[in-house]
PDB file of N, CA and C in Angstrom:
ATOM      1  N   MET A   1      31.952   7.983  -6.150  1.00  0.00           N
ATOM      2  CA  MET A   1      32.173   8.011  -4.719  1.00  0.00           C
ATOM      3  C   MET A   1      30.909   7.549  -4.012  1.00  0.00           C
ATOM      4  N   ARG A   2      31.066   6.609  -3.121  1.00  0.00           N
ATOM      5  CA  ARG A   2      29.928   6.047  -2.413  1.00  0.00           C
ATOM      6  C   ARG A   2      29.628   6.878  -1.176  1.00  0.00           C
ATOM      7  N   GLN A   3      28.333   7.168  -0.983  1.00  0.00           N
ATOM      8  CA  GLN A   3      27.940   7.977   0.157  1.00  0.00           C
ATOM      9  C   GLN A   3      27.158   7.100   1.132  1.00  0.00           C
ATOM     10  N   THR A   4      27.497   7.177   2.398  1.00  0.00           N
ATOM     11  CA  THR A   4      26.787   6.403   3.407  1.00  0.00           C
ATOM     12  C   THR A   4      25.864   7.323   4.187  1.00  0.00           C
ATOM     13  N   ILE A   5      24.772   6.755   4.621  1.00  0.00           N
ATOM     14  CA  ILE A   5      23.796   7.514   5.402  1.00  0.00           C
ATOM     15  C   ILE A   5      23.800   6.938   6.805  1.00  0.00           C
ATOM     16  N   SER A   6      23.924   7.801   7.773  1.00  0.00           N
ATOM     17  CA  SER A   6      23.953   7.309   9.152  1.00  0.00           C
ATOM     18  C   SER A   6      22.580   6.784   9.551  1.00  0.00           C
ATOM     19  N   SER A   7      22.551   5.884  10.523  1.00  0.00           N
ATOM     20  CA  SER A   7      21.309   5.222  10.900  1.00  0.00           C
ATOM     21  C   SER A   7      20.301   6.175  11.528  1.00  0.00           C
ATOM     22  N   ASP A   8      20.763   7.256  12.144  1.00  0.00           N
ATOM     23  CA  ASP A   8      19.809   8.172  12.757  1.00  0.00           C
ATOM     24  C   ASP A   8      19.059   8.988  11.702  1.00  0.00           C
ATOM     25  N   VAL A   9      19.606   9.132  10.512  1.00  0.00           N
ATOM     26  CA  VAL A   9      18.934   9.869   9.446  1.00  0.00           C
ATOM     27  C   VAL A   9      17.911   8.973   8.741  1.00  0.00           C
ATOM     28  N   ARG A  10      18.264   7.700   8.548  1.00  0.00           N
ATOM     29  CA  ARG A  10      17.379   6.768   7.851  1.00  0.00           C
ATOM     30  C   ARG A  10      16.090   6.539   8.604  1.00  0.00           C
ATOM     31  N   GLY A  11      16.151   6.405   9.886  1.00  0.00           N
ATOM     32  CA  GLY A  11      14.976   6.083  10.673  1.00  0.00           C
ATOM     33  C   GLY A  11      14.693   4.594  10.635  1.00  0.00           C
ATOM     34  N   SER A  12      13.708   4.175  11.377  1.00  0.00           N
ATOM     35  CA  SER A  12      13.385   2.752  11.424  1.00  0.00           C
ATOM     36  C   SER A  12      12.057   2.512  10.719  1.00  0.00           C
ATOM     37  N   PHE A  13      11.890   1.297  10.266  1.00  0.00           N
ATOM     38  CA  PHE A  13      10.661   0.913   9.568  1.00  0.00           C
ATOM     39  C   PHE A  13       9.698   0.322  10.583  1.00  0.00           C
ATOM     40  N   ASP A  14       8.496   0.854  10.629  1.00  0.00           N
ATOM     41  CA  ASP A  14       7.477   0.378  11.557  1.00  0.00           C
ATOM     42  C   ASP A  14       6.374  -0.291  10.753  1.00  0.00           C
ATOM     43  N   ALA A  15       6.303  -1.619  10.803  1.00  0.00           N
ATOM     44  CA  ALA A  15       5.326  -2.361  10.005  1.00  0.00           C
ATOM     45  C   ALA A  15       3.909  -2.064  10.442  1.00  0.00           C
ATOM     46  N   SER A  16       3.678  -1.887  11.727  1.00  0.00           N
ATOM     47  CA  SER A  16       2.315  -1.615  12.184  1.00  0.00           C
ATOM     48  C   SER A  16       1.849  -0.238  11.720  1.00  0.00           C
ATOM     49  N   GLY A  17       2.760   0.721  11.650  1.00  0.00           N
ATOM     50  CA  GLY A  17       2.392   2.042  11.157  1.00  0.00           C
ATOM     51  C   GLY A  17       2.151   2.053   9.666  1.00  0.00           C
ATOM     52  N   ALA A  18       2.913   1.230   8.945  1.00  0.00           N
ATOM     53  CA  ALA A  18       2.771   1.174   7.496  1.00  0.00           C
ATOM     54  C   ALA A  18       1.455   0.526   7.100  1.00  0.00           C
ATOM     55  N   LEU A  19       0.980  -0.415   7.895  1.00  0.00           N
ATOM     56  CA  LEU A  19      -0.274  -1.096   7.582  1.00  0.00           C
ATOM     57  C   LEU A  19      -1.420  -0.629   8.469  1.00  0.00           C
ATOM     58  N   GLY A  20      -1.219   0.437   9.196  1.00  0.00           N
ATOM     59  CA  GLY A  20      -2.260   0.957  10.069  1.00  0.00           C
ATOM     60  C   GLY A  20      -3.480   1.435   9.316  1.00  0.00           C
ATOM     61  N   TRP A  21      -3.283   1.891   8.102  1.00  0.00           N
ATOM     62  CA  TRP A  21      -4.417   2.359   7.297  1.00  0.00           C
ATOM     63  C   TRP A  21      -5.354   1.218   6.950  1.00  0.00           C
ATOM     64  N   LEU A  22      -4.849  -0.009   6.904  1.00  0.00           N
ATOM     65  CA  LEU A  22      -5.678  -1.151   6.540  1.00  0.00           C
ATOM     66  C   LEU A  22      -6.737  -1.424   7.599  1.00  0.00           C
ATOM     67  N   SER A  23      -6.355  -1.342   8.866  1.00  0.00           N
ATOM     68  CA  SER A  23      -7.329  -1.577   9.925  1.00  0.00           C
ATOM     69  C   SER A  23      -8.373  -0.461   9.962  1.00  0.00           C
ATOM     70  N   LYS A  24      -7.956   0.760   9.674  1.00  0.00           N
ATOM     71  CA  LYS A  24      -8.908   1.871   9.640  1.00  0.00           C
ATOM     72  C   LYS A  24      -9.876   1.727   8.471  1.00  0.00           C
ATOM     73  N   ALA A  25      -9.361   1.256   7.332  1.00  0.00           N
ATOM     74  CA  ALA A  25     -10.216   1.080   6.160  1.00  0.00           C
ATOM     75  C   ALA A  25     -11.237  -0.028   6.380  1.00  0.00           C
ATOM     76  N   THR A  26     -10.826  -1.122   7.003  1.00  0.00           N
ATOM     77  CA  THR A  26     -11.779  -2.202   7.252  1.00  0.00           C
ATOM     78  C   THR A  26     -12.818  -1.794   8.276  1.00  0.00           C
ATOM     79  N   ALA A  27     -12.421  -1.012   9.278  1.00  0.00           N
ATOM     80  CA  ALA A  27     -13.387  -0.520  10.260  1.00  0.00           C
ATOM     81  C   ALA A  27     -14.398   0.408   9.592  1.00  0.00           C
ATOM     82  N   LEU A  28     -13.928   1.260   8.704  1.00  0.00           N
ATOM     83  CA  LEU A  28     -14.830   2.157   7.982  1.00  0.00           C
ATOM     84  C   LEU A  28     -15.780   1.373   7.085  1.00  0.00           C
ATOM     85  N   LEU A  29     -15.280   0.333   6.440  1.00  0.00           N
ATOM     86  CA  LEU A  29     -16.126  -0.505   5.590  1.00  0.00           C
ATOM     87  C   LEU A  29     -17.205  -1.199   6.409  1.00  0.00           C
ATOM     88  N   ARG A  30     -16.847  -1.706   7.580  1.00  0.00           N
ATOM     89  CA  ARG A  30     -17.837  -2.345   8.452  1.00  0.00           C
ATOM     90  C   ARG A  30     -18.925  -1.367   8.870  1.00  0.00           C
ATOM     91  N   VAL A  31     -18.533  -0.168   9.241  1.00  0.00           N
ATOM     92  CA  VAL A  31     -19.513   0.846   9.646  1.00  0.00           C
ATOM     93  C   VAL A  31     -20.434   1.189   8.480  1.00  0.00           C
ATOM     94  N   ALA A  32     -19.870   1.334   7.293  1.00  0.00           N
ATOM     95  CA  ALA A  32     -20.674   1.670   6.122  1.00  0.00           C
ATOM     96  C   ALA A  32     -21.647   0.549   5.776  1.00  0.00           C
ATOM     97  N   LEU A  33     -21.199  -0.703   5.870  1.00  0.00           N
ATOM     98  CA  LEU A  33     -22.091  -1.826   5.592  1.00  0.00           C
ATOM     99  C   LEU A  33     -23.202  -1.914   6.622  1.00  0.00           C
ATOM    100  N   ARG A  34     -22.876  -1.719   7.886  1.00  0.00           N
ATOM    101  CA  ARG A  34     -23.911  -1.733   8.934  1.00  0.00           C
ATOM    102  C   ARG A  34     -24.906  -0.596   8.739  1.00  0.00           C
ATOM    103  N   TRP A  35     -24.400   0.575   8.371  1.00  0.00           N
ATOM    104  CA  TRP A  35     -25.285   1.713   8.127  1.00  0.00           C
ATOM    105  C   TRP A  35     -26.226   1.411   6.970  1.00  0.00           C
ATOM    106  N   GLY A  36     -25.688   0.847   5.884  1.00  0.00           N
ATOM    107  CA  GLY A  36     -26.518   0.513   4.739  1.00  0.00           C
ATOM    108  C   GLY A  36     -27.550  -0.540   5.064  1.00  0.00           C
ATOM    109  N   ALA A  37     -27.169  -1.538   5.839  1.00  0.00           N
ATOM    110  CA  ALA A  37     -28.119  -2.579   6.232  1.00  0.00           C
ATOM    111  C   ALA A  37     -29.200  -2.020   7.144  1.00  0.00           C
ATOM    112  N   HIS A  38     -28.821  -1.145   8.036  1.00  0.00           N
ATOM    113  CA  HIS A  38     -29.790  -0.554   8.960  1.00  0.00           C
ATOM    114  C   HIS A  38     -30.803   0.323   8.225  1.00  0.00           C
ATOM    115  N   HIS A  39     -30.344   1.128   7.308  1.00  0.00           N
ATOM    116  CA  HIS A  39     -31.221   2.092   6.639  1.00  0.00           C
ATOM    117  C   HIS A  39     -32.006   1.508   5.479  1.00  0.00           C
ATOM    118  N   THR A  40     -31.601   0.358   4.950  1.00  0.00           N
ATOM    119  CA  THR A  40     -32.372  -0.263   3.869  1.00  0.00           C
ATOM    120  C   THR A  40     -33.250  -1.392   4.376  1.00  0.00           C
ATOM    121  N   GLY A  41     -32.947  -1.924   5.547  1.00  0.00           N
ATOM    122  CA  GLY A  41     -33.711  -3.035   6.072  1.00  0.00           C
ATOM    123  C   GLY A  41     -33.282  -4.376   5.497  1.00  0.00           C
ATOM    124  N   LEU A  42     -32.252  -4.374   4.665  1.00  0.00           N
ATOM    125  CA  LEU A  42     -31.745  -5.613   4.073  1.00  0.00           C
ATOM    126  C   LEU A  42     -30.729  -6.245   5.005  1.00  0.00           C
ATOM    127  N   PRO A  43     -30.581  -7.562   4.928  1.00  0.00           N
ATOM    128  CA  PRO A  43     -29.533  -8.196   5.736  1.00  0.00           C
ATOM    129  C   PRO A  43     -28.149  -7.707   5.314  1.00  0.00           C
ATOM    130  N   ILE A  44     -27.224  -7.665   6.263  1.00  0.00           N
ATOM    131  CA  ILE A  44     -25.896  -7.117   5.990  1.00  0.00           C
ATOM    132  C   ILE A  44     -25.159  -7.933   4.937  1.00  0.00           C
ATOM    133  N   ILE A  45     -25.398  -9.241   4.884  1.00  0.00           N
ATOM    134  CA  ILE A  45     -24.723 -10.074   3.890  1.00  0.00           C
ATOM    135  C   ILE A  45     -25.198  -9.710   2.480  1.00  0.00           C
ATOM    136  N   LEU A  46     -26.481  -9.345   2.342  1.00  0.00           N
ATOM    137  CA  LEU A  46     -26.993  -8.936   1.039  1.00  0.00           C
ATOM    138  C   LEU A  46     -26.424  -7.581   0.632  1.00  0.00           C
ATOM    139  N   VAL A  47     -26.333  -6.678   1.582  1.00  0.00           N
ATOM    140  CA  VAL A  47     -25.730  -5.371   1.296  1.00  0.00           C
ATOM    141  C   VAL A  47     -24.268  -5.547   0.888  1.00  0.00           C
ATOM    142  N   ALA A  48     -23.547  -6.419   1.593  1.00  0.00           N
ATOM    143  CA  ALA A  48     -22.145  -6.673   1.248  1.00  0.00           C
ATOM    144  C   ALA A  48     -22.020  -7.287  -0.144  1.00  0.00           C
ATOM    145  N   ALA A  49     -22.929  -8.192  -0.503  1.00  0.00           N
ATOM    146  CA  ALA A  49     -22.896  -8.803  -1.833  1.00  0.00           C
ATOM    147  C   ALA A  49     -23.162  -7.769  -2.920  1.00  0.00           C
ATOM    148  N   ILE A  50     -24.119  -6.895  -2.683  1.00  0.00           N
ATOM    149  CA  ILE A  50     -24.428  -5.838  -3.661  1.00  0.00           C
ATOM    150  C   ILE A  50     -23.227  -4.923  -3.841  1.00  0.00           C
ATOM    151  N   VAL A  51     -22.598  -4.546  -2.744  1.00  0.00           N
ATOM    152  CA  VAL A  51     -21.415  -3.678  -2.813  1.00  0.00           C
ATOM    153  C   VAL A  51     -20.285  -4.375  -3.550  1.00  0.00           C
ATOM    154  N   LEU A  52     -20.093  -5.652  -3.288  1.00  0.00           N
ATOM    155  CA  LEU A  52     -19.021  -6.403  -3.944  1.00  0.00           C
ATOM    156  C   LEU A  52     -19.238  -6.494  -5.452  1.00  0.00           C
ATOM    157  N   VAL A  53     -20.453  -6.792  -5.868  1.00  0.00           N
ATOM    158  CA  VAL A  53     -20.751  -6.891  -7.302  1.00  0.00           C
ATOM    159  C   VAL A  53     -20.625  -5.523  -7.968  1.00  0.00           C
ATOM    160  N   ALA A  54     -21.163  -4.490  -7.323  1.00  0.00           N
ATOM    161  CA  ALA A  54     -21.087  -3.140  -7.898  1.00  0.00           C
ATOM    162  C   ALA A  54     -19.636  -2.674  -8.009  1.00  0.00           C
ATOM    163  N   SER A  55     -18.820  -2.976  -6.993  1.00  0.00           N
ATOM    164  CA  SER A  55     -17.423  -2.541  -7.065  1.00  0.00           C
ATOM    165  C   SER A  55     -16.667  -3.325  -8.132  1.00  0.00           C
ATOM    166  N   GLY A  56     -17.035  -4.568  -8.358  1.00  0.00           N
ATOM    167  CA  GLY A  56     -16.408  -5.347  -9.435  1.00  0.00           C
ATOM    168  C   GLY A  56     -16.705  -4.758 -10.796  1.00  0.00           C
ATOM    169  N   HIS A  57     -17.967  -4.372 -11.008  1.00  0.00           N
ATOM    170  CA  HIS A  57     -18.327  -3.741 -12.276  1.00  0.00           C
ATOM    171  C   HIS A  57     -17.620  -2.397 -12.443  1.00  0.00           C
ATOM    172  N   LEU A  58     -17.546  -1.642 -11.366  1.00  0.00           N
ATOM    173  CA  LEU A  58     -16.875  -0.346 -11.425  1.00  0.00           C
ATOM    174  C   LEU A  58     -15.390  -0.508 -11.711  1.00  0.00           C
ATOM    175  N   ALA A  59     -14.766  -1.503 -11.097  1.00  0.00           N
ATOM    176  CA  ALA A  59     -13.337  -1.746 -11.339  1.00  0.00           C
ATOM    177  C   ALA A  59     -13.098  -2.162 -12.782  1.00  0.00           C
ATOM    178  N   LYS A  60     -13.983  -2.987 -13.327  1.00  0.00           N
ATOM    179  CA  LYS A  60     -13.823  -3.428 -14.710  1.00  0.00           C
ATOM    180  C   LYS A  60     -13.948  -2.248 -15.673  1.00  0.00           C
ATOM    181  N   ARG A  61     -14.943  -1.394 -15.440  1.00  0.00           N
ATOM    182  CA  ARG A  61     -15.109  -0.217 -16.310  1.00  0.00           C
ATOM    183  C   ARG A  61     -13.929   0.743 -16.179  1.00  0.00           C
ATOM    184  N   THR A  62     -13.445   0.923 -14.959  1.00  0.00           N
ATOM    185  CA  THR A  62     -12.313   1.817 -14.737  1.00  0.00           C
ATOM    186  C   THR A  62     -11.065   1.284 -15.423  1.00  0.00           C
ATOM    187  N   LEU A  63     -10.836  -0.008 -15.325  1.00  0.00           N
ATOM    188  CA  LEU A  63      -9.678  -0.620 -15.981  1.00  0.00           C
ATOM    189  C   LEU A  63      -9.788  -0.481 -17.496  1.00  0.00           C
ATOM    190  N   ARG A  64     -10.968  -0.735 -18.032  1.00  0.00           N
ATOM    191  CA  ARG A  64     -11.174  -0.607 -19.473  1.00  0.00           C
ATOM    192  C   ARG A  64     -10.930   0.830 -19.935  1.00  0.00           C
ATOM    193  N   PHE A  65     -11.431   1.792 -19.157  1.00  0.00           N
ATOM    194  CA  PHE A  65     -11.221   3.201 -19.498  1.00  0.00           C
ATOM    195  C   PHE A  65      -9.740   3.556 -19.447  1.00  0.00           C
ATOM    196  N   GLY A  66      -9.026   3.071 -18.436  1.00  0.00           N
ATOM    197  CA  GLY A  66      -7.599   3.344 -18.329  1.00  0.00           C
ATOM    198  C   GLY A  66      -6.815   2.771 -19.495  1.00  0.00           C
ATOM    199  N   VAL A  67      -7.188   1.571 -19.936  1.00  0.00           N
ATOM    200  CA  VAL A  67      -6.520   0.962 -21.094  1.00  0.00           C
ATOM    201  C   VAL A  67      -6.794   1.776 -22.345  1.00  0.00           C
ATOM    202  N   GLU A  68      -8.031   2.232 -22.521  1.00  0.00           N
ATOM    203  CA  GLU A  68      -8.360   3.041 -23.696  1.00  0.00           C
ATOM    204  C   GLU A  68      -7.583   4.354 -23.707  1.00  0.00           C
ATOM    205  N   VAL A  69      -7.480   4.996 -22.550  1.00  0.00           N
ATOM    206  CA  VAL A  69      -6.733   6.259 -22.471  1.00  0.00           C
ATOM    207  C   VAL A  69      -5.257   6.019 -22.768  1.00  0.00           C
ATOM    208  N   ALA A  70      -4.687   4.970 -22.192  1.00  0.00           N
ATOM    209  CA  ALA A  70      -3.272   4.672 -22.437  1.00  0.00           C
ATOM    210  C   ALA A  70      -3.024   4.353 -23.907  1.00  0.00           C
ATOM    211  N   LEU A  71      -3.924   3.600 -24.527  1.00  0.00           N
ATOM    212  CA  LEU A  71      -3.788   3.282 -25.946  1.00  0.00           C
ATOM    213  C   LEU A  71      -3.887   4.538 -26.804  1.00  0.00           C
ATOM    214  N   THR A  72      -4.819   5.415 -26.483  1.00  0.00           N
ATOM    215  CA  THR A  72      -4.973   6.658 -27.241  1.00  0.00           C
ATOM    216  C   THR A  72      -3.747   7.557 -27.098  1.00  0.00           C
ATOM    217  N   VAL A  73      -3.234   7.671 -25.881  1.00  0.00           N
ATOM    218  CA  VAL A  73      -2.034   8.487 -25.667  1.00  0.00           C
ATOM    219  C   VAL A  73      -0.857   7.895 -26.440  1.00  0.00           C
ATOM    220  N   GLY A  74      -0.733   6.568 -26.424  1.00  0.00           N
ATOM    221  CA  GLY A  74       0.347   5.925 -27.173  1.00  0.00           C
ATOM    222  C   GLY A  74       0.240   6.154 -28.666  1.00  0.00           C
ATOM    223  N   LEU A  75      -0.985   6.061 -29.199  1.00  0.00           N
ATOM    224  CA  LEU A  75      -1.175   6.304 -30.629  1.00  0.00           C
ATOM    225  C   LEU A  75      -0.902   7.763 -31.008  1.00  0.00           C
ATOM    226  N   LEU A  76      -1.342   8.693 -30.161  1.00  0.00           N
ATOM    227  CA  LEU A  76      -1.064  10.115 -30.430  1.00  0.00           C
ATOM    228  C   LEU A  76       0.442  10.396 -30.354  1.00  0.00           C
ATOM    229  N   PHE A  77       1.122   9.782 -29.406  1.00  0.00           N
ATOM    230  CA  PHE A  77       2.556   9.965 -29.301  1.00  0.00           C
ATOM    231  C   PHE A  77       3.268   9.407 -30.533  1.00  0.00           C
ATOM    232  N   ALA A  78       2.846   8.225 -30.965  1.00  0.00           N
ATOM    233  CA  ALA A  78       3.474   7.618 -32.144  1.00  0.00           C
ATOM    234  C   ALA A  78       3.205   8.455 -33.389  1.00  0.00           C
ATOM    235  N   ALA A  79       1.985   8.960 -33.537  1.00  0.00           N
ATOM    236  CA  ALA A  79       1.655   9.777 -34.704  1.00  0.00           C
ATOM    237  C   ALA A  79       2.452  11.078 -34.688  1.00  0.00           C
ATOM    238  N   THR A  80       2.672  11.623 -33.507  1.00  0.00           N
ATOM    239  CA  THR A  80       3.472  12.846 -33.408  1.00  0.00           C
ATOM    240  C   THR A  80       4.923  12.569 -33.751  1.00  0.00           C
ATOM    241  N   ARG A  81       5.461  11.465 -33.262  1.00  0.00           N
ATOM    242  CA  ARG A  81       6.862  11.125 -33.556  1.00  0.00           C
ATOM    243  C   ARG A  81       7.075  10.826 -35.043  1.00  0.00           C
ATOM    244  N   LEU A  82       6.058  10.263 -35.705  1.00  0.00           N
ATOM    245  CA  LEU A  82       6.172   9.968 -37.114  1.00  0.00           C
ATOM    246  C   LEU A  82       5.909  11.202 -37.996  1.00  0.00           C
ATOM    247  N   GLY A  83       5.497  12.270 -37.387  1.00  0.00           N
ATOM    248  CA  GLY A  83       5.263  13.498 -38.129  1.00  0.00           C
ATOM    249  C   GLY A  83       3.883  13.617 -38.731  1.00  0.00           C
ATOM    250  N   TRP A  84       2.975  12.706 -38.386  1.00  0.00           N
ATOM    251  CA  TRP A  84       1.639  12.772 -38.939  1.00  0.00           C
ATOM    252  C   TRP A  84       0.804  13.859 -38.298  1.00  0.00           C
ATOM    253  N   ILE A  85       1.145  14.215 -37.044  1.00  0.00           N
ATOM    254  CA  ILE A  85       0.426  15.265 -36.301  1.00  0.00           C
ATOM    255  C   ILE A  85       1.458  16.293 -35.881  1.00  0.00           C
ATOM    256  N   ALA A  86       1.152  17.554 -36.103  1.00  0.00           N
ATOM    257  CA  ALA A  86       2.014  18.649 -35.650  1.00  0.00           C
ATOM    258  C   ALA A  86       1.205  19.503 -34.680  1.00  0.00           C
ATOM    259  N   TRP A  87       1.704  19.631 -33.475  1.00  0.00           N
ATOM    260  CA  TRP A  87       0.978  20.412 -32.468  1.00  0.00           C
ATOM    261  C   TRP A  87       1.356  21.859 -32.555  1.00  0.00           C
TER     262      TRP A  87
END
């Protein structure tokens, strides 16, 4: 049996509200970069470059760690299903 939902229950989709966090995040990033440039005495473009490189390294390490954890969980699950490990 198919059930219909009335339009007043569904509500409307607001694209500006859904992406409103993006403008807040970019504003926060700008403030943080300006603060870092002000307190270190370095040009803002250099501070932004340092942040970009550091975040790239952090993302790579995080991704590698996530892959290792997923692989380990998969191997433990397979070993348990095959009866090699009993919990």
